[in-house]
Amino acid sequence: MEFEKLQMIIAEVLGKDSEQIYAKARLVEDLGVDSLEVFQIIMGMEDTFDVILEEEAVYQVKTVQDLCNLVMIPA
């Protein structure tokens, strides 16, 4: 259920179908995420999951799974 919420956040920001968002998808290479979209995804995650994500951790994110790990969502 939580992974689906993350899928919806990413899909909404990117204008894609949520079924195109999968755990091993690389944000830049597979999904074409740019720096503004990363910011929008992070803001959406913070609002949806009521968390504050550490800037250092965000810089390490490469995949959708990495985003899940930031908020401990099983993919």
Protein backbone atom coordinates (compact mmCIF):
# COMPACT_ATOMS: atom_id res chain seq x y z
CA MET A 1 0.00 0.00 0.00
CA GLU A 2 2.75 2.49 0.91
CA PHE A 3 4.74 1.59 -2.20
CA GLU A 4 1.67 2.40 -4.28
CA LYS A 5 1.53 5.85 -2.66
CA LEU A 6 5.15 6.43 -3.66
CA GLN A 7 4.39 5.20 -7.19
CA MET A 8 1.55 7.71 -7.41
CA ILE A 9 3.76 10.58 -6.21
CA ILE A 10 6.42 9.79 -8.80
CA ALA A 11 3.89 9.18 -11.58
CA GLU A 12 2.14 12.47 -10.87
CA VAL A 13 5.38 14.46 -10.91
CA LEU A 14 6.57 12.78 -14.12
CA GLY A 15 3.21 12.62 -15.87
CA LYS A 16 3.55 8.85 -16.26
CA ASP A 17 1.33 5.87 -15.53
CA SER A 18 2.08 4.51 -12.04
CA GLU A 19 2.58 1.03 -13.54
CA GLN A 20 5.74 2.38 -15.22
CA ILE A 21 7.24 3.04 -11.78
CA TYR A 22 8.93 -0.07 -10.39
CA ALA A 23 11.35 -0.61 -7.51
CA LYS A 24 14.51 -1.19 -9.56
CA ALA A 25 13.85 1.73 -11.94
CA ARG A 26 16.74 4.17 -12.00
CA LEU A 27 15.42 7.68 -11.54
CA VAL A 28 17.54 9.44 -14.14
CA GLU A 29 18.41 6.71 -16.62
CA ASP A 30 15.08 4.81 -16.71
CA LEU A 31 12.51 7.43 -15.71
CA GLY A 32 14.21 10.60 -16.96
CA VAL A 33 13.88 12.45 -13.65
CA ASP A 34 15.56 15.86 -13.53
CA SER A 35 16.70 17.81 -10.46
CA LEU A 36 13.46 19.80 -10.15
CA GLU A 37 11.41 16.60 -10.34
CA VAL A 38 13.56 15.00 -7.63
CA PHE A 39 12.75 17.99 -5.42
CA GLN A 40 9.03 17.64 -6.20
CA ILE A 41 9.10 13.90 -5.46
CA ILE A 42 10.90 14.48 -2.15
CA MET A 43 8.42 17.19 -1.15
CA GLY A 44 5.54 14.85 -2.02
CA MET A 45 7.10 12.08 0.06
CA GLU A 46 7.60 14.38 3.04
CA ASP A 47 3.97 15.51 2.89
CA THR A 48 2.48 12.06 2.27
CA PHE A 49 4.56 10.10 4.78
CA ASP A 50 4.94 12.93 7.33
CA VAL A 51 8.73 12.72 7.38
CA ILE A 52 11.63 15.08 6.89
CA LEU A 53 14.26 13.57 4.63
CA GLU A 54 17.92 14.32 5.25
CA GLU A 55 19.58 16.18 2.39
CA GLU A 56 22.64 13.89 2.54
CA ALA A 57 20.46 10.80 2.15
CA VAL A 58 18.56 12.31 -0.78
CA TYR A 59 21.82 12.86 -2.68
CA GLN A 60 22.52 9.11 -2.46
CA VAL A 61 19.24 8.12 -4.15
CA LYS A 62 19.57 6.41 -7.53
CA THR A 63 16.49 4.16 -7.79
CA VAL A 64 12.87 4.02 -6.72
CA GLN A 65 13.94 1.38 -4.18
CA ASP A 66 16.37 3.92 -2.70
CA LEU A 67 13.43 6.30 -2.22
CA CYS A 68 11.51 3.50 -0.49
CA ASN A 69 14.44 2.89 1.80
CA LEU A 70 14.43 6.55 2.87
CA VAL A 71 11.02 6.07 4.45
CA MET A 72 11.28 2.31 5.08
CA ILE A 73 8.62 1.24 2.57
CA PRO A 74 8.80 -2.39 1.44
CA ALA A 75 8.74 -2.52 -2.37
